[in-house]
Amino acid sequence: MLSAAPSFEQQVREARQAFDHKQYDRALTIVEPLLAEPTVSTEARRLKIKSLIRLARPTDALAEYEQLFEQVKQDERPLLRELAMACITPMLKDMREQMRGAAYTALKELDSDDSIPYFEDGLSDGSALIRALAVEGLGRLSAGRRSQTLNKALEDQAGMVRAAAVKVVGRSGDSGALDKIQRALNDEQGIVRITAAGVLAKLNHGEGWDRVRQATTASNPEERATALRILGDVKDPRGLSILQQALTDTQPSVRGAAAAALGDLQLKEAIPFLEEAIRDRLPAVRAAAIVSLGELRATTSVSAIRAALHDVNLPVRAAAVSSLLHLGVPYGQVAETIHELAQHADPGVRSAVARALSKAKEPQAIDALESFLEDPLPRPRIAAVRSLGQTGGVSEIPVLKRMLRDQDEAVRATAGGALGRILSHGQRSPVEKKKVFK
C-alpha cells in the first residue's frame, strides 16, 4: 500500500528542520515546489529568503523578499534587516581593498552586535586601513569594546591600527585597560604615544594631559596635528589657547587639525577664532573652520558662513552648505548653491554636496538627495545613500531597498548599511522644526 504524500504543513516543517540544521540547500529544495502552489505560504517564502541569505545569495533573496512584500503588503523589518546585512557581508572578502573598505564602513552603520564576529575577523585583513576600520567598528559597540581580539590589535604592525585600538580599549571599562594604555605610551610611533596620552587625559589620569600638550609643539607636523585633534577629543578648556595658537602654524595640515578640534572642543569662546580661520589662504582650513562653526551651533556666525557660499573653492562652498543646514538655515537659502554644485562635472564636488545634505531634515533636502541616486558614477550615489541613512526616516526604506539592486557593489553595500541603520533606529521624522535665520 502506497504511503500518502506529505502534507503541505509537513513539508514546511521538514524545510524548517533542514534550515535549523544549517542544510540550506535542502531547505530550498523542499520549499521551491511549495511556492508554485496557488496559495503561496508566507512561511515557506520566508524560509526561502533566509536560506538564500545564508547561502550568500542576497540578490536572489531580495527578489524573493519583494514577492513576500507583495503578499503581506508591508515590510517585515527583522527579515529586511537580515537582508540588508547580507548585502554587505559577501564584500568583506572582496579582493579589492576599496570594496572591503566600503563594506566595513557600511557594517559600522548597523550598530548591531551581530556584526562583531565580522569586525573581529577583519582584524586579520591584509590591509592596515581595513584593520583600523574593524577596530573602529568594535569600538562603536559596548560588547565590541570588550572583545578579546582587541589585544591583537594593540600589537598590530601598523601604528594607525594600534592607535585605533588604544582609543577603543580606553573606553572599554576593562580592569586591565589602564596598564595596556600606559604601555602604549612607550610605543615606537608618535601617533600611538600621543593617542595613549589623550586617552589617559580623558580618564583624568597621570601625565596624559602634559604629554598631549607637549606633542602640540613636536617638530613632526603629523604629530602636532594628531595632538591637536586629540585636544578637541579630550574637551579640556585648557586646550582652547593651544588650538588658537595652532591656527597660525606654518603647516596647513596643522591649521586644519586645529580648526577641526575647536569644533570638537565645544566651547563658544572658539567662535571668533574660527571666524578668522574662514579667511585662511588654504581651502581645507577654511572648510574645517566652517564645519566647526556648525558643530558649535554658532548662530552668530551665519552671515560669515553664508559669505563662504561664494568661495572660489567648491568644496568650501559645500562645507558652507553643510554648516548652514546644521544651523537650521532654511533649505531655500542654500538651494541655489546646492543646484550649482550638483551639476558640477567633478564627482568629488557632487559627493561633497550629497554629504552636506545629511545635515538637513527638510523634505526638499531629501528630494535633492534622492536625485543623486541617479548619478552616473558610484561615488556620488554612495554619498547620497549614506546621507539618507543618517537623515532619512522609515519613509526612505523603499528608496534604499531599490538601491540594494544598484549595479555597483559598493553602492549596494552602503545601501545595506543605511537601511540597517534606519531599521535599527526606528521612526524618525524627516522634517523637524528649526529656528529660521533671516
Protein backbone atom coordinates (compact mmCIF):
# COMPACT_ATOMS: atom_id res chain seq x y z
CA MET A 1 0.00 0.00 0.00
CA LEU A 2 1.47 3.36 -1.05
CA SER A 3 2.15 5.85 1.71
CA ALA A 4 0.38 9.18 1.49
CA ALA A 5 2.36 12.14 0.18
CA PRO A 6 3.47 14.50 2.92
CA SER A 7 1.07 17.32 3.53
CA PHE A 8 1.91 20.94 2.83
CA GLU A 9 2.38 21.56 6.55
CA GLN A 10 4.68 18.55 6.87
CA GLN A 11 6.86 19.77 4.02
CA VAL A 12 7.16 23.24 5.55
CA ARG A 13 8.07 21.61 8.86
CA GLU A 14 10.69 19.47 7.13
CA ALA A 15 12.13 22.56 5.43
CA ARG A 16 12.26 24.35 8.79
CA GLN A 17 14.14 21.43 10.33
CA ALA A 18 16.61 21.43 7.44
CA PHE A 19 17.16 25.15 7.89
CA ASP A 20 17.65 24.77 11.64
CA HIS A 21 20.32 22.13 10.91
CA LYS A 22 22.02 24.55 8.51
CA GLN A 23 21.07 22.43 5.50
CA TYR A 24 20.15 25.46 3.46
CA ASP A 25 20.30 23.82 0.02
CA ARG A 26 17.95 21.09 1.22
CA ALA A 27 15.59 23.68 2.69
CA LEU A 28 15.48 25.41 -0.70
CA THR A 29 14.80 22.14 -2.49
CA ILE A 30 11.83 21.48 -0.23
CA VAL A 31 10.23 24.93 -0.36
CA GLU A 32 10.67 25.63 -4.09
CA PRO A 33 7.71 23.42 -5.19
CA LEU A 34 5.57 24.84 -2.39
CA LEU A 35 5.95 28.34 -3.80
CA ALA A 36 4.34 27.20 -7.05
CA GLU A 37 1.07 26.47 -5.24
CA PRO A 38 -1.88 28.82 -5.99
CA THR A 39 -1.94 29.92 -2.36
CA VAL A 40 1.66 30.59 -1.52
CA SER A 41 2.69 30.07 2.08
CA THR A 42 4.37 33.13 3.56
CA GLU A 43 6.29 30.86 5.93
CA ALA A 44 7.69 28.88 3.01
CA ARG A 45 8.75 32.08 1.30
CA ARG A 46 10.41 33.36 4.48
CA LEU A 47 12.33 30.09 4.71
CA LYS A 48 13.49 30.52 1.14
CA ILE A 49 14.64 34.08 1.80
CA LYS A 50 16.52 33.08 4.94
CA SER A 51 18.13 30.13 3.16
CA LEU A 52 19.26 32.34 0.28
CA ILE A 53 20.73 34.79 2.77
CA ARG A 54 22.68 32.02 4.50
CA LEU A 55 23.94 30.83 1.10
CA ALA A 56 25.27 34.34 0.37
CA ARG A 57 22.82 34.95 -2.46
CA PRO A 58 21.47 38.39 -1.49
CA THR A 59 20.27 39.31 -4.98
CA ASP A 60 18.03 36.23 -5.16
CA ALA A 61 16.91 36.81 -1.56
CA LEU A 62 15.95 40.40 -2.40
CA ALA A 63 13.84 39.28 -5.36
CA GLU A 64 12.05 36.79 -3.14
CA TYR A 65 11.58 39.40 -0.40
CA GLU A 66 9.88 41.71 -2.89
CA GLN A 67 7.38 38.94 -3.62
CA LEU A 68 6.80 38.49 0.10
CA PHE A 69 6.19 42.22 0.39
CA GLU A 70 3.52 41.97 -2.30
CA GLN A 71 1.86 39.18 -0.32
CA VAL A 72 1.81 40.81 3.11
CA LYS A 73 1.73 44.46 1.93
CA GLN A 74 4.26 45.60 4.50
CA ASP A 75 7.92 45.28 5.35
CA GLU A 76 8.98 42.62 7.80
CA ARG A 77 11.72 44.62 9.45
CA PRO A 78 13.77 41.89 11.19
CA LEU A 79 13.91 39.93 7.93
CA LEU A 80 14.69 43.04 5.89
CA ARG A 81 17.48 43.87 8.31
CA GLU A 82 18.96 40.40 7.77
CA LEU A 83 18.76 41.00 4.05
CA ALA A 84 20.45 44.41 4.38
CA MET A 85 23.33 42.82 6.25
CA ALA A 86 23.56 40.07 3.63
CA CYS A 87 24.20 42.75 1.01
CA ILE A 88 27.29 43.80 2.98
CA THR A 89 28.96 40.67 4.29
CA PRO A 90 29.95 38.97 0.98
CA MET A 91 32.05 42.04 0.12
CA LEU A 92 34.11 41.76 3.31
CA LYS A 93 36.27 39.21 1.48
CA ASP A 94 36.47 41.04 -1.83
CA MET A 95 39.93 41.11 -3.39
CA ARG A 96 39.75 44.90 -3.77
CA GLU A 97 40.64 46.95 -0.71
CA GLN A 98 38.29 49.73 -1.78
CA MET A 99 35.32 47.37 -1.85
CA ARG A 100 36.22 45.83 1.51
CA GLY A 101 36.52 49.34 2.91
CA ALA A 102 33.04 50.21 1.66
CA ALA A 103 31.68 47.02 3.22
CA TYR A 104 33.25 47.57 6.64
CA THR A 105 32.15 51.20 6.61
CA ALA A 106 28.60 50.08 5.86
CA LEU A 107 28.78 47.40 8.56
CA LYS A 108 29.60 50.09 11.13
CA GLU A 109 26.30 51.83 10.32
CA LEU A 110 24.29 48.84 11.52
CA ASP A 111 25.13 49.34 15.22
CA SER A 112 24.45 45.65 15.80
CA ASP A 113 26.22 43.06 17.93
CA ASP A 114 25.63 40.67 15.03
CA SER A 115 28.47 42.47 13.24
CA ILE A 116 31.05 41.79 15.98
CA PRO A 117 32.33 38.47 14.52
CA TYR A 118 32.87 40.18 11.17
CA PHE A 119 34.83 43.01 12.76
CA GLU A 120 36.89 40.51 14.73
CA ASP A 121 37.65 38.67 11.51
CA GLY A 122 38.61 41.97 9.90
CA LEU A 123 41.49 42.33 12.36
CA SER A 124 43.31 39.71 10.26
CA ASP A 125 42.84 41.54 6.96
CA GLY A 126 45.99 42.23 4.95
CA SER A 127 45.23 45.95 4.76
CA ALA A 128 46.01 48.25 7.70
CA LEU A 129 43.15 50.51 6.64
CA ILE A 130 40.67 47.65 6.85
CA ARG A 131 42.03 46.51 10.20
CA ALA A 132 41.64 50.06 11.53
CA LEU A 133 38.02 50.13 10.28
CA ALA A 134 37.40 46.82 12.05
CA VAL A 135 38.76 48.24 15.30
CA GLU A 136 36.54 51.31 14.94
CA GLY A 137 33.56 49.05 14.30
CA LEU A 138 34.20 47.15 17.52
CA GLY A 139 34.57 50.46 19.33
CA ARG A 140 31.03 51.53 18.38
CA LEU A 141 29.52 48.63 20.33
CA SER A 142 29.74 48.09 24.07
CA ALA A 143 30.10 44.35 23.56
CA GLY A 144 32.67 45.00 20.83
CA ARG A 145 34.80 47.09 23.18
CA ARG A 146 35.03 44.05 25.43
CA SER A 147 36.24 41.80 22.60
CA GLN A 148 39.41 39.93 23.49
CA THR A 149 40.63 40.23 19.91
CA LEU A 150 41.40 43.90 20.58
CA ASN A 151 44.53 42.70 22.36
CA LYS A 152 45.71 41.50 18.97
CA ALA A 153 45.10 44.96 17.50
CA LEU A 154 47.18 46.55 20.27
CA GLU A 155 50.15 44.62 18.90
CA ASP A 156 49.36 45.24 15.23
CA GLN A 157 52.29 46.06 12.94
CA ALA A 158 50.61 49.26 11.75
CA GLY A 159 50.63 52.30 14.02
CA MET A 160 47.24 53.51 12.80
CA VAL A 161 45.68 50.23 13.92
CA ARG A 162 47.40 50.29 17.31
CA ALA A 163 46.26 53.87 17.84
CA ALA A 164 42.67 52.98 16.99
CA ALA A 165 42.83 50.03 19.39
CA VAL A 166 44.19 52.21 22.21
CA LYS A 167 41.18 54.52 21.84
CA VAL A 168 38.74 51.63 21.99
CA VAL A 169 40.44 49.95 24.95
CA GLY A 170 40.29 53.25 26.80
CA ARG A 171 36.51 53.18 26.53
CA SER A 172 36.13 49.50 27.36
CA GLY A 173 35.93 49.73 31.15
CA ASP A 174 38.23 46.71 31.27
CA SER A 175 40.08 46.46 34.59
CA GLY A 176 43.33 45.89 32.73
CA ALA A 177 42.81 48.73 30.27
CA LEU A 178 44.97 51.22 32.15
CA ASP A 179 48.05 49.02 32.01
CA LYS A 180 47.59 48.50 28.26
CA ILE A 181 47.27 52.22 27.62
CA GLN A 182 50.31 53.05 29.74
CA ARG A 183 52.38 50.52 27.79
CA ALA A 184 51.35 52.31 24.61
CA LEU A 185 52.98 55.49 25.97
CA ASN A 186 56.28 53.88 25.00
CA ASP A 187 55.24 52.83 21.51
CA GLU A 188 57.77 53.36 18.73
CA GLN A 189 55.38 55.57 16.78
CA GLY A 190 54.40 59.03 17.90
CA ILE A 191 50.78 58.74 16.78
CA VAL A 192 50.29 55.80 19.18
CA ARG A 193 52.06 57.51 22.08
CA ILE A 194 50.02 60.68 21.65
CA THR A 195 46.76 58.74 21.34
CA ALA A 196 47.55 56.85 24.54
CA ALA A 197 48.29 60.13 26.31
CA GLY A 198 44.98 61.51 25.09
CA VAL A 199 43.11 58.52 26.47
CA LEU A 200 44.78 59.00 29.84
CA ALA A 201 43.90 62.69 29.75
CA LYS A 202 40.24 61.84 29.14
CA LEU A 203 40.42 59.49 32.10
CA ASN A 204 41.96 62.29 34.20
CA HIS A 205 44.91 60.07 34.89
CA GLY A 206 48.53 60.95 35.48
CA GLU A 207 50.64 62.68 32.90
CA GLY A 208 48.25 62.31 29.97
CA TRP A 209 47.40 66.00 29.59
CA ASP A 210 51.02 67.18 29.81
CA ARG A 211 52.13 64.67 27.20
CA VAL A 212 49.46 65.75 24.74
CA ARG A 213 50.26 69.41 25.32
CA GLN A 214 53.96 68.79 24.71
CA ALA A 215 53.16 66.93 21.48
CA THR A 216 51.40 70.01 20.10
CA THR A 217 54.85 71.56 19.67
CA ALA A 218 56.54 68.47 18.18
CA SER A 219 58.83 69.03 15.21
CA ASN A 220 56.88 66.49 13.15
CA PRO A 221 53.77 68.20 11.67
CA GLU A 222 51.85 64.93 11.64
CA GLU A 223 52.41 64.50 15.37
CA ARG A 224 51.41 68.11 16.03
CA ALA A 225 48.20 67.62 14.06
CA THR A 226 47.44 64.37 15.90
CA ALA A 227 47.92 66.06 19.28
CA LEU A 228 45.68 68.96 18.31
CA ARG A 229 42.88 66.66 17.18
CA ILE A 230 43.17 64.80 20.47
CA LEU A 231 42.86 68.07 22.38
CA GLY A 232 39.45 68.50 20.80
CA ASP A 233 38.51 64.96 21.73
CA VAL A 234 39.63 65.42 25.35
CA LYS A 235 37.44 68.55 25.62
CA ASP A 236 39.56 70.20 28.28
CA PRO A 237 39.11 74.01 28.27
CA ARG A 238 42.86 74.37 28.66
CA GLY A 239 43.13 73.32 25.04
CA LEU A 240 41.46 76.49 23.75
CA SER A 241 44.53 78.74 23.80
CA ILE A 242 46.72 75.99 22.34
CA LEU A 243 44.35 75.43 19.45
CA GLN A 244 44.01 79.17 18.87
CA GLN A 245 47.77 79.48 18.54
CA ALA A 246 47.90 76.47 16.21
CA LEU A 247 45.65 78.28 13.75
CA THR A 248 48.73 80.30 12.80
CA ASP A 249 51.00 77.28 12.28
CA THR A 250 53.02 77.29 9.05
CA GLN A 251 51.76 73.82 8.14
CA PRO A 252 48.28 73.77 6.54
CA SER A 253 47.54 70.28 7.90
CA VAL A 254 48.22 71.54 11.43
CA ARG A 255 45.97 74.58 10.98
CA GLY A 256 43.23 72.35 9.60
CA ALA A 257 43.54 69.97 12.55
CA ALA A 258 43.29 72.92 14.95
CA ALA A 259 40.18 74.25 13.21
CA ALA A 260 38.51 70.83 13.34
CA ALA A 261 39.49 70.32 17.00
CA LEU A 262 37.98 73.67 18.00
CA GLY A 263 34.61 72.34 16.86
CA ASP A 264 35.10 69.18 18.90
CA LEU A 265 36.09 71.23 21.96
CA GLN A 266 32.52 72.57 22.10
CA LEU A 267 33.42 75.95 23.61
CA LYS A 268 31.63 79.05 22.35
CA GLU A 269 34.80 81.04 23.04
CA ALA A 270 36.30 79.37 19.96
CA ILE A 271 33.85 81.09 17.60
CA PRO A 272 35.87 84.29 16.94
CA PHE A 273 38.99 82.25 16.16
CA LEU A 274 37.10 80.06 13.73
CA GLU A 275 35.56 83.06 12.00
CA GLU A 276 39.09 84.34 11.47
CA ALA A 277 40.13 80.92 10.09
CA ILE A 278 37.41 81.18 7.42
CA ARG A 279 39.78 83.66 5.77
CA ASP A 280 42.74 81.24 5.75
CA ARG A 281 44.50 81.01 2.38
CA LEU A 282 44.16 77.21 2.29
CA PRO A 283 40.72 75.82 1.29
CA ALA A 284 40.98 72.79 3.59
CA VAL A 285 41.48 75.05 6.61
CA ARG A 286 38.56 77.26 5.60
CA ALA A 287 36.33 74.23 5.18
CA ALA A 288 37.33 72.80 8.57
CA ALA A 289 36.61 76.11 10.28
CA ILE A 290 33.20 76.40 8.61
CA VAL A 291 32.21 72.87 9.62
CA SER A 292 33.34 73.51 13.21
CA LEU A 293 31.16 76.61 13.43
CA GLY A 294 28.21 74.41 12.53
CA GLU A 295 29.22 71.88 15.19
CA LEU A 296 29.37 74.71 17.73
CA ARG A 297 25.85 75.86 16.76
CA ALA A 298 27.38 79.27 16.15
CA THR A 299 24.20 81.08 15.15
CA THR A 300 26.00 84.42 15.33
CA SER A 301 28.30 83.24 12.54
CA VAL A 302 25.58 82.61 9.95
CA SER A 303 26.49 85.72 7.94
CA ALA A 304 30.17 84.80 7.84
CA ILE A 305 29.37 81.26 6.77
CA ARG A 306 26.85 82.43 4.19
CA ALA A 307 29.60 84.50 2.55
CA ALA A 308 31.51 81.25 2.00
CA LEU A 309 28.76 80.10 -0.36
CA HIS A 310 30.64 82.21 -2.93
CA ASP A 311 34.12 80.91 -2.09
CA VAL A 312 36.36 80.26 -5.11
CA ASN A 313 36.85 76.71 -3.86
CA LEU A 314 33.85 74.44 -4.48
CA PRO A 315 34.40 72.02 -1.54
CA VAL A 316 34.45 75.09 0.74
CA ARG A 317 31.05 76.05 -0.67
CA ALA A 318 29.82 72.54 0.10
CA ALA A 319 31.14 72.89 3.67
CA ALA A 320 29.21 76.15 3.98
CA VAL A 321 26.03 74.41 2.82
CA SER A 322 26.56 71.70 5.42
CA SER A 323 27.20 74.15 8.23
CA LEU A 324 24.26 76.39 7.38
CA LEU A 325 21.88 73.44 7.21
CA HIS A 326 23.27 72.23 10.54
CA LEU A 327 22.46 75.64 12.00
CA GLY A 328 18.88 75.45 10.79
CA VAL A 329 19.09 77.87 7.89
CA PRO A 330 16.15 77.05 5.58
CA TYR A 331 16.92 74.89 2.60
CA GLY A 332 15.73 77.58 0.21
CA GLN A 333 18.56 79.86 1.26
CA VAL A 334 21.20 77.37 0.08
CA ALA A 335 19.22 75.74 -2.74
CA GLU A 336 20.94 77.72 -5.49
CA THR A 337 24.40 76.66 -4.32
CA ILE A 338 23.26 73.06 -3.96
CA HIS A 339 21.90 73.05 -7.50
CA GLU A 340 25.11 74.55 -8.86
CA LEU A 341 27.35 72.04 -7.10
CA ALA A 342 25.09 69.12 -8.00
CA GLN A 343 25.58 69.91 -11.70
CA HIS A 344 29.37 70.13 -11.50
CA ALA A 345 31.43 67.80 -13.69
CA ASP A 346 33.69 66.74 -10.82
CA PRO A 347 32.14 63.73 -8.99
CA GLY A 348 34.05 64.77 -5.86
CA VAL A 349 32.13 68.03 -5.76
CA ARG A 350 28.82 66.23 -6.29
CA SER A 351 29.72 63.82 -3.50
CA ALA A 352 30.61 66.70 -1.17
CA VAL A 353 27.23 68.35 -1.57
CA ALA A 354 25.45 65.00 -1.10
CA ARG A 355 27.30 64.60 2.19
CA ALA A 356 26.41 68.17 3.15
CA LEU A 357 22.72 67.37 2.75
CA SER A 358 22.95 64.87 5.62
CA LYS A 359 22.62 67.88 7.93
CA ALA A 360 19.16 68.77 6.63
CA LYS A 361 15.78 67.42 7.59
CA GLU A 362 13.52 69.38 5.24
CA PRO A 363 11.64 67.46 2.51
CA GLN A 364 13.39 69.47 -0.22
CA ALA A 365 16.75 68.21 1.05
CA ILE A 366 15.55 64.60 0.99
CA ASP A 367 14.32 65.12 -2.57
CA ALA A 368 17.71 66.57 -3.53
CA LEU A 369 19.48 63.58 -2.01
CA GLU A 370 17.27 61.17 -3.90
CA SER A 371 18.21 62.94 -7.16
CA PHE A 372 21.85 61.98 -6.54
CA LEU A 373 20.82 58.32 -6.64
CA GLU A 374 20.60 58.68 -10.41
CA ASP A 375 24.16 59.98 -10.74
CA PRO A 376 26.09 58.13 -13.48
CA LEU A 377 29.05 57.49 -11.15
CA PRO A 378 29.05 55.40 -7.96
CA ARG A 379 30.83 57.91 -5.71
CA PRO A 380 28.01 60.48 -5.51
CA ARG A 381 25.45 57.69 -5.19
CA ILE A 382 27.38 56.26 -2.25
CA ALA A 383 27.48 59.68 -0.55
CA ALA A 384 23.76 60.19 -1.10
CA VAL A 385 22.80 56.75 0.17
CA ARG A 386 24.86 57.21 3.33
CA SER A 387 23.30 60.62 3.91
CA LEU A 388 19.81 59.16 3.52
CA GLY A 389 20.66 56.60 6.17
CA GLN A 390 21.74 59.37 8.52
CA THR A 391 18.96 61.89 7.95
CA GLY A 392 16.05 59.96 6.49
CA GLY A 393 13.27 58.15 8.26
CA VAL A 394 11.35 54.97 7.56
CA SER A 395 9.81 56.69 4.55
CA GLU A 396 13.17 56.16 2.85
CA ILE A 397 13.02 52.38 3.18
CA PRO A 398 11.53 51.83 -0.32
CA VAL A 399 14.25 54.02 -1.88
CA LEU A 400 17.04 52.22 -0.05
CA LYS A 401 15.57 48.83 -0.95
CA ARG A 402 15.79 49.88 -4.58
CA MET A 403 19.45 50.82 -4.10
CA LEU A 404 20.16 47.27 -2.91
CA ARG A 405 19.84 46.40 -6.61
CA ASP A 406 22.30 49.08 -7.79
CA GLN A 407 24.77 47.92 -10.44
CA ASP A 408 27.72 48.92 -8.25
CA GLU A 409 28.69 46.63 -5.36
CA ALA A 410 29.88 49.44 -3.09
CA VAL A 411 26.58 51.27 -3.55
CA ARG A 412 24.68 48.09 -2.67
CA ALA A 413 26.75 47.58 0.47
CA THR A 414 26.30 51.22 1.50
CA ALA A 415 22.55 50.89 0.96
CA GLY A 416 22.59 47.85 3.20
CA GLY A 417 24.25 49.85 5.96
CA ALA A 418 21.91 52.83 5.52
CA LEU A 419 18.84 50.61 5.51
CA GLY A 420 20.03 48.69 8.56
CA ARG A 421 20.66 51.96 10.38
CA ILE A 422 17.12 53.21 9.77
CA LEU A 423 15.62 49.86 10.75
CA SER A 424 17.68 49.86 13.96
CA HIS A 425 16.92 53.44 14.97
CA GLY A 426 13.23 53.25 14.17
CA GLN A 427 10.93 56.06 13.09
CA ARG A 428 12.48 59.47 12.67
CA SER A 429 10.71 62.40 11.14
CA PRO A 430 12.45 63.84 8.07
CA VAL A 431 11.05 67.24 9.00
CA GLU A 432 11.97 68.97 12.23
CA LYS A 433 11.07 72.49 13.21
CA LYS A 434 14.15 74.64 13.41
CA LYS A 435 14.87 78.23 14.14
CA VAL A 436 14.87 80.25 10.94
CA PHE A 437 17.64 82.74 10.37
CA LYS A 438 16.87 85.69 8.14
